Amino acid sequence: MIKTFKMKLYPGMEAEYEKRHNELWPEMIDMIHEHGGKNYTISLDPESLILYGYIEIEDEEKWSRSADTPINRKWWDFMADIMETNADNSPVCKDLKVLFHLD
């Protein structure tokens, strides 16, 4: 199953966002895999600062449980200063509808 979504960076935070993801914590990688996520890509539109995410997941319900893990909550707190977030520091995230996919 493919999941796509968008988020938004604060101005001037492009390099910091990339740096933090290039140094992604091993526990975060493990949590993503344990909750059925793989082939995860995040791209940036530098004009709008919109981040576009793509991830392949095994099951929507299994993946949704990843949000409540302590490591995910820690990651949200770590990223809150560089991107738009909700009151609980989760990223403001909008799911996108997949209209076409070719393997």
PDB file of N, CA and C in Angstrom:
ATOM      1  N   MET A   1       0.850  -1.167   0.000  1.00  0.00           N
ATOM      2  CA  MET A   1       0.000   0.000   0.000  1.00  0.00           C
ATOM      3  C   MET A   1       0.901   1.237   0.000  1.00  0.00           C
ATOM      4  N   ILE A   2       0.535   2.212  -0.785  1.00  0.00           N
ATOM      5  CA  ILE A   2       1.291   3.462  -0.894  1.00  0.00           C
ATOM      6  C   ILE A   2       0.570   4.551  -0.112  1.00  0.00           C
ATOM      7  N   LYS A   3       1.346   5.329   0.610  1.00  0.00           N
ATOM      8  CA  LYS A   3       0.818   6.475   1.349  1.00  0.00           C
ATOM      9  C   LYS A   3       1.608   7.700   0.897  1.00  0.00           C
ATOM     10  N   THR A   4       0.912   8.756   0.527  1.00  0.00           N
ATOM     11  CA  THR A   4       1.557  10.011   0.155  1.00  0.00           C
ATOM     12  C   THR A   4       0.943  11.128   0.990  1.00  0.00           C
ATOM     13  N   PHE A   5       1.743  12.146   1.264  1.00  0.00           N
ATOM     14  CA  PHE A   5       1.286  13.226   2.138  1.00  0.00           C
ATOM     15  C   PHE A   5       2.146  14.462   1.911  1.00  0.00           C
ATOM     16  N   LYS A   6       1.678  15.591   2.465  1.00  0.00           N
ATOM     17  CA  LYS A   6       2.471  16.817   2.384  1.00  0.00           C
ATOM     18  C   LYS A   6       2.535  17.481   3.745  1.00  0.00           C
ATOM     19  N   MET A   7       3.652  18.192   3.966  1.00  0.00           N
ATOM     20  CA  MET A   7       3.910  18.961   5.186  1.00  0.00           C
ATOM     21  C   MET A   7       4.573  20.261   4.741  1.00  0.00           C
ATOM     22  N   LYS A   8       4.890  21.146   5.686  1.00  0.00           N
ATOM     23  CA  LYS A   8       5.503  22.419   5.293  1.00  0.00           C
ATOM     24  C   LYS A   8       6.614  22.823   6.251  1.00  0.00           C
ATOM     25  N   LEU A   9       7.733  23.249   5.649  1.00  0.00           N
ATOM     26  CA  LEU A   9       8.878  23.757   6.406  1.00  0.00           C
ATOM     27  C   LEU A   9       8.730  25.249   6.667  1.00  0.00           C
ATOM     28  N   TYR A  10       9.399  25.707   7.704  1.00  0.00           N
ATOM     29  CA  TYR A  10       9.531  27.144   7.924  1.00  0.00           C
ATOM     30  C   TYR A  10      10.635  27.666   7.009  1.00  0.00           C
ATOM     31  N   PRO A  11      10.527  28.926   6.588  1.00  0.00           N
ATOM     32  CA  PRO A  11      11.553  29.507   5.706  1.00  0.00           C
ATOM     33  C   PRO A  11      12.960  29.388   6.305  1.00  0.00           C
ATOM     34  N   GLY A  12      13.903  29.052   5.453  1.00  0.00           N
ATOM     35  CA  GLY A  12      15.303  28.959   5.851  1.00  0.00           C
ATOM     36  C   GLY A  12      15.682  27.659   6.542  1.00  0.00           C
ATOM     37  N   MET A  13      14.774  26.728   6.662  1.00  0.00           N
ATOM     38  CA  MET A  13      15.027  25.480   7.401  1.00  0.00           C
ATOM     39  C   MET A  13      15.329  24.276   6.504  1.00  0.00           C
ATOM     40  N   GLU A  14      15.490  24.510   5.212  1.00  0.00           N
ATOM     41  CA  GLU A  14      15.705  23.414   4.273  1.00  0.00           C
ATOM     42  C   GLU A  14      16.941  22.590   4.619  1.00  0.00           C
ATOM     43  N   ALA A  15      18.066  23.246   4.823  1.00  0.00           N
ATOM     44  CA  ALA A  15      19.319  22.534   5.109  1.00  0.00           C
ATOM     45  C   ALA A  15      19.250  21.804   6.451  1.00  0.00           C
ATOM     46  N   GLU A  16      18.635  22.415   7.433  1.00  0.00           N
ATOM     47  CA  GLU A  16      18.520  21.777   8.745  1.00  0.00           C
ATOM     48  C   GLU A  16      17.622  20.545   8.681  1.00  0.00           C
ATOM     49  N   TYR A  17      16.527  20.632   7.925  1.00  0.00           N
ATOM     50  CA  TYR A  17      15.633  19.485   7.760  1.00  0.00           C
ATOM     51  C   TYR A  17      16.391  18.320   7.111  1.00  0.00           C
ATOM     52  N   GLU A  18      17.116  18.629   6.063  1.00  0.00           N
ATOM     53  CA  GLU A  18      17.886  17.585   5.376  1.00  0.00           C
ATOM     54  C   GLU A  18      18.950  16.993   6.300  1.00  0.00           C
ATOM     55  N   LYS A  19      19.651  17.839   7.046  1.00  0.00           N
ATOM     56  CA  LYS A  19      20.686  17.375   7.979  1.00  0.00           C
ATOM     57  C   LYS A  19      20.097  16.414   9.004  1.00  0.00           C
ATOM     58  N   ARG A  20      18.995  16.800   9.612  1.00  0.00           N
ATOM     59  CA  ARG A  20      18.381  15.956  10.636  1.00  0.00           C
ATOM     60  C   ARG A  20      17.943  14.604  10.067  1.00  0.00           C
ATOM     61  N   HIS A  21      17.452  14.600   8.857  1.00  0.00           N
ATOM     62  CA  HIS A  21      17.038  13.328   8.259  1.00  0.00           C
ATOM     63  C   HIS A  21      18.236  12.497   7.803  1.00  0.00           C
ATOM     64  N   ASN A  22      19.293  13.142   7.410  1.00  0.00           N
ATOM     65  CA  ASN A  22      20.516  12.397   7.061  1.00  0.00           C
ATOM     66  C   ASN A  22      21.145  11.748   8.289  1.00  0.00           C
ATOM     67  N   GLU A  23      20.803  12.259   9.462  1.00  0.00           N
ATOM     68  CA  GLU A  23      21.297  11.708  10.729  1.00  0.00           C
ATOM     69  C   GLU A  23      20.158  11.018  11.498  1.00  0.00           C
ATOM     70  N   LEU A  24      19.187  10.486  10.770  1.00  0.00           N
ATOM     71  CA  LEU A  24      18.016   9.864  11.390  1.00  0.00           C
ATOM     72  C   LEU A  24      18.433   8.819  12.412  1.00  0.00           C
ATOM     73  N   TRP A  25      17.846   8.904  13.585  1.00  0.00           N
ATOM     74  CA  TRP A  25      18.182   8.011  14.695  1.00  0.00           C
ATOM     75  C   TRP A  25      17.901   6.556  14.327  1.00  0.00           C
ATOM     76  N   PRO A  26      18.802   5.655  14.672  1.00  0.00           N
ATOM     77  CA  PRO A  26      18.571   4.225  14.390  1.00  0.00           C
ATOM     78  C   PRO A  26      17.265   3.708  14.993  1.00  0.00           C
ATOM     79  N   GLU A  27      16.890   4.202  16.180  1.00  0.00           N
ATOM     80  CA  GLU A  27      15.630   3.764  16.796  1.00  0.00           C
ATOM     81  C   GLU A  27      14.413   4.200  15.981  1.00  0.00           C
ATOM     82  N   MET A  28      14.539   5.339  15.309  1.00  0.00           N
ATOM     83  CA  MET A  28      13.447   5.823  14.458  1.00  0.00           C
ATOM     84  C   MET A  28      13.332   4.944  13.216  1.00  0.00           C
ATOM     85  N   ILE A  29      14.459   4.592  12.640  1.00  0.00           N
ATOM     86  CA  ILE A  29      14.461   3.690  11.482  1.00  0.00           C
ATOM     87  C   ILE A  29      13.830   2.353  11.866  1.00  0.00           C
ATOM     88  N   ASP A  30      14.226   1.823  13.014  1.00  0.00           N
ATOM     89  CA  ASP A  30      13.666   0.547  13.480  1.00  0.00           C
ATOM     90  C   ASP A  30      12.153   0.646  13.675  1.00  0.00           C
ATOM     91  N   MET A  31      11.677   1.745  14.260  1.00  0.00           N
ATOM     92  CA  MET A  31      10.246   1.918  14.502  1.00  0.00           C
ATOM     93  C   MET A  31       9.485   1.959  13.176  1.00  0.00           C
ATOM     94  N   ILE A  32      10.013   2.667  12.201  1.00  0.00           N
ATOM     95  CA  ILE A  32       9.354   2.741  10.885  1.00  0.00           C
ATOM     96  C   ILE A  32       9.209   1.343  10.295  1.00  0.00           C
ATOM     97  N   HIS A  33      10.297   0.581  10.324  1.00  0.00           N
ATOM     98  CA  HIS A  33      10.254  -0.780   9.777  1.00  0.00           C
ATOM     99  C   HIS A  33       9.329  -1.689  10.594  1.00  0.00           C
ATOM    100  N   GLU A  34       9.369  -1.575  11.915  1.00  0.00           N
ATOM    101  CA  GLU A  34       8.514  -2.400  12.774  1.00  0.00           C
ATOM    102  C   GLU A  34       7.025  -2.131  12.553  1.00  0.00           C
ATOM    103  N   HIS A  35       6.695  -0.937  12.095  1.00  0.00           N
ATOM    104  CA  HIS A  35       5.294  -0.589  11.844  1.00  0.00           C
ATOM    105  C   HIS A  35       4.930  -0.710  10.362  1.00  0.00           C
ATOM    106  N   GLY A  36       5.764  -1.428   9.625  1.00  0.00           N
ATOM    107  CA  GLY A  36       5.428  -1.774   8.244  1.00  0.00           C
ATOM    108  C   GLY A  36       5.790  -0.753   7.202  1.00  0.00           C
ATOM    109  N   GLY A  37       6.649   0.215   7.526  1.00  0.00           N
ATOM    110  CA  GLY A  37       7.050   1.219   6.555  1.00  0.00           C
ATOM    111  C   GLY A  37       8.343   0.855   5.850  1.00  0.00           C
ATOM    112  N   LYS A  38       8.393   1.125   4.557  1.00  0.00           N
ATOM    113  CA  LYS A  38       9.618   0.922   3.778  1.00  0.00           C
ATOM    114  C   LYS A  38       9.582   1.838   2.561  1.00  0.00           C
ATOM    115  N   ASN A  39      10.724   1.931   1.913  1.00  0.00           N
ATOM    116  CA  ASN A  39      10.843   2.735   0.686  1.00  0.00           C
ATOM    117  C   ASN A  39      10.276   4.143   0.920  1.00  0.00           C
ATOM    118  N   TYR A  40      10.800   4.820   1.930  1.00  0.00           N
ATOM    119  CA  TYR A  40      10.309   6.114   2.401  1.00  0.00           C
ATOM    120  C   TYR A  40      11.114   7.230   1.750  1.00  0.00           C
ATOM    121  N   THR A  41      10.415   8.157   1.121  1.00  0.00           N
ATOM    122  CA  THR A  41      11.054   9.289   0.453  1.00  0.00           C
ATOM    123  C   THR A  41      10.313  10.565   0.824  1.00  0.00           C
ATOM    124  N   ILE A  42      11.069  11.627   1.113  1.00  0.00           N
ATOM    125  CA  ILE A  42      10.492  12.949   1.325  1.00  0.00           C
ATOM    126  C   ILE A  42      11.196  13.900   0.369  1.00  0.00           C
ATOM    127  N   SER A  43      10.412  14.626  -0.418  1.00  0.00           N
ATOM    128  CA  SER A  43      10.943  15.583  -1.383  1.00  0.00           C
ATOM    129  C   SER A  43      10.476  16.986  -1.016  1.00  0.00           C
ATOM    130  N   LEU A  44      11.241  17.979  -1.448  1.00  0.00           N
ATOM    131  CA  LEU A  44      10.946  19.381  -1.137  1.00  0.00           C
ATOM    132  C   LEU A  44      10.704  20.174  -2.405  1.00  0.00           C
ATOM    133  N   ASP A  45       9.640  20.976  -2.402  1.00  0.00           N
ATOM    134  CA  ASP A  45       9.444  22.000  -3.423  1.00  0.00           C
ATOM    135  C   ASP A  45      10.028  23.279  -2.830  1.00  0.00           C
ATOM    136  N   PRO A  46      11.212  23.716  -3.297  1.00  0.00           N
ATOM    137  CA  PRO A  46      11.879  24.865  -2.673  1.00  0.00           C
ATOM    138  C   PRO A  46      11.119  26.184  -2.822  1.00  0.00           C
ATOM    139  N   GLU A  47      10.248  26.296  -3.806  1.00  0.00           N
ATOM    140  CA  GLU A  47       9.489  27.534  -3.976  1.00  0.00           C
ATOM    141  C   GLU A  47       8.401  27.696  -2.916  1.00  0.00           C
ATOM    142  N   SER A  48       7.740  26.601  -2.566  1.00  0.00           N
ATOM    143  CA  SER A  48       6.628  26.676  -1.619  1.00  0.00           C
ATOM    144  C   SER A  48       6.992  26.183  -0.220  1.00  0.00           C
ATOM    145  N   LEU A  49       8.150  25.516  -0.093  1.00  0.00           N
ATOM    146  CA  LEU A  49       8.600  24.863   1.136  1.00  0.00           C
ATOM    147  C   LEU A  49       7.690  23.709   1.545  1.00  0.00           C
ATOM    148  N   ILE A  50       6.941  23.187   0.582  1.00  0.00           N
ATOM    149  CA  ILE A  50       6.100  22.022   0.825  1.00  0.00           C
ATOM    150  C   ILE A  50       6.966  20.770   0.701  1.00  0.00           C
ATOM    151  N   LEU A  51       6.839  19.895   1.703  1.00  0.00           N
ATOM    152  CA  LEU A  51       7.492  18.594   1.697  1.00  0.00           C
ATOM    153  C   LEU A  51       6.471  17.565   1.222  1.00  0.00           C
ATOM    154  N   TYR A  52       6.873  16.725   0.292  1.00  0.00           N
ATOM    155  CA  TYR A  52       6.002  15.662  -0.215  1.00  0.00           C
ATOM    156  C   TYR A  52       6.581  14.325   0.212  1.00  0.00           C
ATOM    157  N   GLY A  53       5.786  13.549   0.936  1.00  0.00           N
ATOM    158  CA  GLY A  53       6.227  12.265   1.430  1.00  0.00           C
ATOM    159  C   GLY A  53       5.619  11.111   0.662  1.00  0.00           C
ATOM    160  N   TYR A  54       6.402  10.059   0.514  1.00  0.00           N
ATOM    161  CA  TYR A  54       5.976   8.809  -0.112  1.00  0.00           C
ATOM    162  C   TYR A  54       6.496   7.685   0.758  1.00  0.00           C
ATOM    163  N   ILE A  55       5.633   6.787   1.158  1.00  0.00           N
ATOM    164  CA  ILE A  55       6.058   5.615   1.926  1.00  0.00           C
ATOM    165  C   ILE A  55       5.187   4.436   1.530  1.00  0.00           C
ATOM    166  N   GLU A  56       5.807   3.278   1.477  1.00  0.00           N
ATOM    167  CA  GLU A  56       5.064   2.048   1.258  1.00  0.00           C
ATOM    168  C   GLU A  56       4.831   1.426   2.630  1.00  0.00           C
ATOM    169  N   ILE A  57       3.574   1.108   2.914  1.00  0.00           N
ATOM    170  CA  ILE A  57       3.213   0.546   4.214  1.00  0.00           C
ATOM    171  C   ILE A  57       2.498  -0.795   4.020  1.00  0.00           C
ATOM    172  N   GLU A  58       2.618  -1.649   5.017  1.00  0.00           N
ATOM    173  CA  GLU A  58       1.960  -2.952   4.957  1.00  0.00           C
ATOM    174  C   GLU A  58       0.461  -2.826   5.198  1.00  0.00           C
ATOM    175  N   ASP A  59       0.104  -1.970   6.163  1.00  0.00           N
ATOM    176  CA  ASP A  59      -1.277  -1.896   6.617  1.00  0.00           C
ATOM    177  C   ASP A  59      -1.502  -0.531   7.263  1.00  0.00           C
ATOM    178  N   GLU A  60      -2.566   0.138   6.902  1.00  0.00           N
ATOM    179  CA  GLU A  60      -2.847   1.488   7.417  1.00  0.00           C
ATOM    180  C   GLU A  60      -2.990   1.499   8.942  1.00  0.00           C
ATOM    181  N   GLU A  61      -3.687   0.506   9.493  1.00  0.00           N
ATOM    182  CA  GLU A  61      -3.889   0.458  10.941  1.00  0.00           C
ATOM    183  C   GLU A  61      -2.566   0.250  11.680  1.00  0.00           C
ATOM    184  N   LYS A  62      -1.749  -0.661  11.180  1.00  0.00           N
ATOM    185  CA  LYS A  62      -0.439  -0.908  11.789  1.00  0.00           C
ATOM    186  C   LYS A  62       0.418   0.360  11.729  1.00  0.00           C
ATOM    187  N   TRP A  63       0.411   1.028  10.590  1.00  0.00           N
ATOM    188  CA  TRP A  63       1.196   2.243  10.422  1.00  0.00           C
ATOM    189  C   TRP A  63       0.693   3.358  11.345  1.00  0.00           C
ATOM    190  N   SER A  64      -0.613   3.487  11.497  1.00  0.00           N
ATOM    191  CA  SER A  64      -1.166   4.563  12.331  1.00  0.00           C
ATOM    192  C   SER A  64      -0.729   4.424  13.789  1.00  0.00           C
ATOM    193  N   ARG A  65      -0.460   3.218  14.248  1.00  0.00           N
ATOM    194  CA  ARG A  65      -0.002   3.015  15.626  1.00  0.00           C
ATOM    195  C   ARG A  65       1.409   3.571  15.846  1.00  0.00           C
ATOM    196  N   SER A  66       2.157   3.802  14.795  1.00  0.00           N
ATOM    197  CA  SER A  66       3.517   4.348  14.944  1.00  0.00           C
ATOM    198  C   SER A  66       3.502   5.747  15.555  1.00  0.00           C
ATOM    199  N   ALA A  67       2.429   6.488  15.354  1.00  0.00           N
ATOM    200  CA  ALA A  67       2.343   7.858  15.876  1.00  0.00           C
ATOM    201  C   ALA A  67       2.424   7.902  17.395  1.00  0.00           C
ATOM    202  N   ASP A  68       1.963   6.863  18.058  1.00  0.00           N
ATOM    203  CA  ASP A  68       1.925   6.857  19.521  1.00  0.00           C
ATOM    204  C   ASP A  68       3.149   6.234  20.174  1.00  0.00           C
ATOM    205  N   THR A  69       4.177   5.942  19.408  1.00  0.00           N
ATOM    206  CA  THR A  69       5.388   5.375  20.010  1.00  0.00           C
ATOM    207  C   THR A  69       6.223   6.475  20.656  1.00  0.00           C
ATOM    208  N   PRO A  70       6.906   6.173  21.745  1.00  0.00           N
ATOM    209  CA  PRO A  70       7.742   7.191  22.400  1.00  0.00           C
ATOM    210  C   PRO A  70       8.807   7.782  21.462  1.00  0.00           C
ATOM    211  N   ILE A  71       9.416   6.957  20.608  1.00  0.00           N
ATOM    212  CA  ILE A  71      10.459   7.485  19.720  1.00  0.00           C
ATOM    213  C   ILE A  71       9.865   8.434  18.683  1.00  0.00           C
ATOM    214  N   ASN A  72       8.664   8.150  18.219  1.00  0.00           N
ATOM    215  CA  ASN A  72       8.037   9.044  17.255  1.00  0.00           C
ATOM    216  C   ASN A  72       7.681  10.372  17.906  1.00  0.00           C
ATOM    217  N   ARG A  73       7.163  10.314  19.133  1.00  0.00           N
ATOM    218  CA  ARG A  73       6.842  11.552  19.864  1.00  0.00           C
ATOM    219  C   ARG A  73       8.114  12.375  20.102  1.00  0.00           C
ATOM    220  N   LYS A  74       9.211  11.709  20.410  1.00  0.00           N
ATOM    221  CA  LYS A  74      10.497  12.398  20.606  1.00  0.00           C
ATOM    222  C   LYS A  74      10.942  13.062  19.298  1.00  0.00           C
ATOM    223  N   TRP A  75      10.756  12.362  18.172  1.00  0.00           N
ATOM    224  CA  TRP A  75      11.123  12.923  16.861  1.00  0.00           C
ATOM    225  C   TRP A  75      10.285  14.150  16.551  1.00  0.00           C
ATOM    226  N   TRP A  76       8.978  14.062  16.814  1.00  0.00           N
ATOM    227  CA  TRP A  76       8.123  15.227  16.577  1.00  0.00           C
ATOM    228  C   TRP A  76       8.603  16.426  17.383  1.00  0.00           C
ATOM    229  N   ASP A  77       8.940  16.222  18.636  1.00  0.00           N
ATOM    230  CA  ASP A  77       9.431  17.314  19.480  1.00  0.00           C
ATOM    231  C   ASP A  77      10.723  17.897  18.903  1.00  0.00           C
ATOM    232  N   PHE A  78      11.600  17.025  18.423  1.00  0.00           N
ATOM    233  CA  PHE A  78      12.879  17.426  17.842  1.00  0.00           C
ATOM    234  C   PHE A  78      12.694  18.257  16.570  1.00  0.00           C
ATOM    235  N   MET A  79      11.658  17.969  15.799  1.00  0.00           N
ATOM    236  CA  MET A  79      11.448  18.637  14.512  1.00  0.00           C
ATOM    237  C   MET A  79      10.537  19.864  14.598  1.00  0.00           C
ATOM    238  N   ALA A  80       9.891  20.084  15.725  1.00  0.00           N
ATOM    239  CA  ALA A  80       8.860  21.117  15.846  1.00  0.00           C
ATOM    240  C   ALA A  80       9.361  22.532  15.585  1.00  0.00           C
ATOM    241  N   ASP A  81      10.632  22.787  15.795  1.00  0.00           N
ATOM    242  CA  ASP A  81      11.139  24.152  15.615  1.00  0.00           C
ATOM    243  C   ASP A  81      11.413  24.515  14.159  1.00  0.00           C
ATOM    244  N   ILE A  82      11.313  23.558  13.233  1.00  0.00           N
ATOM    245  CA  ILE A  82      11.661  23.863  11.841  1.00  0.00           C
ATOM    246  C   ILE A  82      10.515  23.654  10.846  1.00  0.00           C
ATOM    247  N   MET A  83       9.350  23.209  11.350  1.00  0.00           N
ATOM    248  CA  MET A  83       8.246  22.971  10.426  1.00  0.00           C
ATOM    249  C   MET A  83       6.902  23.224  11.107  1.00  0.00           C
ATOM    250  N   GLU A  84       5.859  23.367  10.302  1.00  0.00           N
ATOM    251  CA  GLU A  84       4.530  23.601  10.847  1.00  0.00           C
ATOM    252  C   GLU A  84       4.078  22.363  11.617  1.00  0.00           C
ATOM    253  N   THR A  85       3.592  22.599  12.852  1.00  0.00           N
ATOM    254  CA  THR A  85       3.153  21.494  13.701  1.00  0.00           C
ATOM    255  C   THR A  85       1.820  21.815  14.366  1.00  0.00           C
ATOM    256  N   ASN A  86       1.197  20.773  14.860  1.00  0.00           N
ATOM    257  CA  ASN A  86      -0.017  20.886  15.664  1.00  0.00           C
ATOM    258  C   ASN A  86       0.380  21.114  17.120  1.00  0.00           C
ATOM    259  N   ALA A  87      -0.600  21.279  17.988  1.00  0.00           N
ATOM    260  CA  ALA A  87      -0.337  21.549  19.405  1.00  0.00           C
ATOM    261  C   ALA A  87       0.483  20.452  20.083  1.00  0.00           C
ATOM    262  N   ASP A  88       0.354  19.198  19.616  1.00  0.00           N
ATOM    263  CA  ASP A  88       1.113  18.088  20.210  1.00  0.00           C
ATOM    264  C   ASP A  88       2.467  17.868  19.534  1.00  0.00           C
ATOM    265  N   ASN A  89       2.896  18.817  18.704  1.00  0.00           N
ATOM    266  CA  ASN A  89       4.138  18.797  17.938  1.00  0.00           C
ATOM    267  C   ASN A  89       4.121  17.829  16.764  1.00  0.00           C
ATOM    268  N   SER A  90       3.005  17.166  16.509  1.00  0.00           N
ATOM    269  CA  SER A  90       2.916  16.362  15.284  1.00  0.00           C
ATOM    270  C   SER A  90       2.924  17.311  14.098  1.00  0.00           C
ATOM    271  N   PRO A  91       3.537  16.906  12.989  1.00  0.00           N
ATOM    272  CA  PRO A  91       3.559  17.803  11.836  1.00  0.00           C
ATOM    273  C   PRO A  91       2.151  18.029  11.285  1.00  0.00           C
ATOM    274  N   VAL A  92       1.905  19.248  10.840  1.00  0.00           N
ATOM    275  CA  VAL A  92       0.679  19.499  10.101  1.00  0.00           C
ATOM    276  C   VAL A  92       0.844  18.722   8.801  1.00  0.00           C
ATOM    277  N   CYS A  93       0.015  17.723   8.617  1.00  0.00           N
ATOM    278  CA  CYS A  93       0.206  16.763   7.535  1.00  0.00           C
ATOM    279  C   CYS A  93      -1.128  16.521   6.834  1.00  0.00           C
ATOM    280  N   LYS A  94      -1.105  16.576   5.528  1.00  0.00           N
ATOM    281  CA  LYS A  94      -2.312  16.314   4.738  1.00  0.00           C
ATOM    282  C   LYS A  94      -2.035  15.139   3.827  1.00  0.00           C
ATOM    283  N   ASP A  95      -2.862  14.101   3.947  1.00  0.00           N
ATOM    284  CA  ASP A  95      -2.736  12.961   3.045  1.00  0.00           C
ATOM    285  C   ASP A  95      -3.084  13.390   1.632  1.00  0.00           C
ATOM    286  N   LEU A  96      -2.375  12.816   0.671  1.00  0.00           N
ATOM    287  CA  LEU A  96      -2.631  13.077  -0.741  1.00  0.00           C
ATOM    288  C   LEU A  96      -3.223  11.830  -1.376  1.00  0.00           C
ATOM    289  N   LYS A  97      -4.028  12.022  -2.385  1.00  0.00           N
ATOM    290  CA  LYS A  97      -4.663  10.916  -3.104  1.00  0.00           C
ATOM    291  C   LYS A  97      -3.738  10.460  -4.228  1.00  0.00           C
ATOM    292  N   VAL A  98      -3.408   9.182  -4.238  1.00  0.00           N
ATOM    293  CA  VAL A  98      -2.600   8.623  -5.320  1.00  0.00           C
ATOM    294  C   VAL A  98      -3.505   8.437  -6.526  1.00  0.00           C
ATOM    295  N   LEU A  99      -3.143   9.075  -7.632  1.00  0.00           N
ATOM    296  CA  LEU A  99      -3.931   8.969  -8.859  1.00  0.00           C
ATOM    297  C   LEU A  99      -3.297   8.028  -9.863  1.00  0.00           C
ATOM    298  N   PHE A 100      -1.996   7.806  -9.746  1.00  0.00           N
ATOM    299  CA  PHE A 100      -1.310   6.942 -10.697  1.00  0.00           C
ATOM    300  C   PHE A 100      -0.070   6.366 -10.029  1.00  0.00           C
ATOM    301  N   HIS A 101       0.177   5.107 -10.270  1.00  0.00           N
ATOM    302  CA  HIS A 101       1.391   4.437  -9.795  1.00  0.00           C
ATOM    303  C   HIS A 101       1.772   3.385 -10.810  1.00  0.00           C
ATOM    304  N   LEU A 102       3.053   3.294 -11.132  1.00  0.00           N
ATOM    305  CA  LEU A 102       3.578   2.289 -12.045  1.00  0.00           C
ATOM    306  C   LEU A 102       4.780   1.643 -11.407  1.00  0.00           C
ATOM    307  N   ASP A 103       4.768   0.335 -11.255  1.00  0.00           N
ATOM    308  CA  ASP A 103       5.941  -0.391 -10.730  1.00  0.00           C
ATOM    309  C   ASP A 103       6.962  -0.552 -11.825  1.00  0.00           C
TER     310      ASP A 103
END
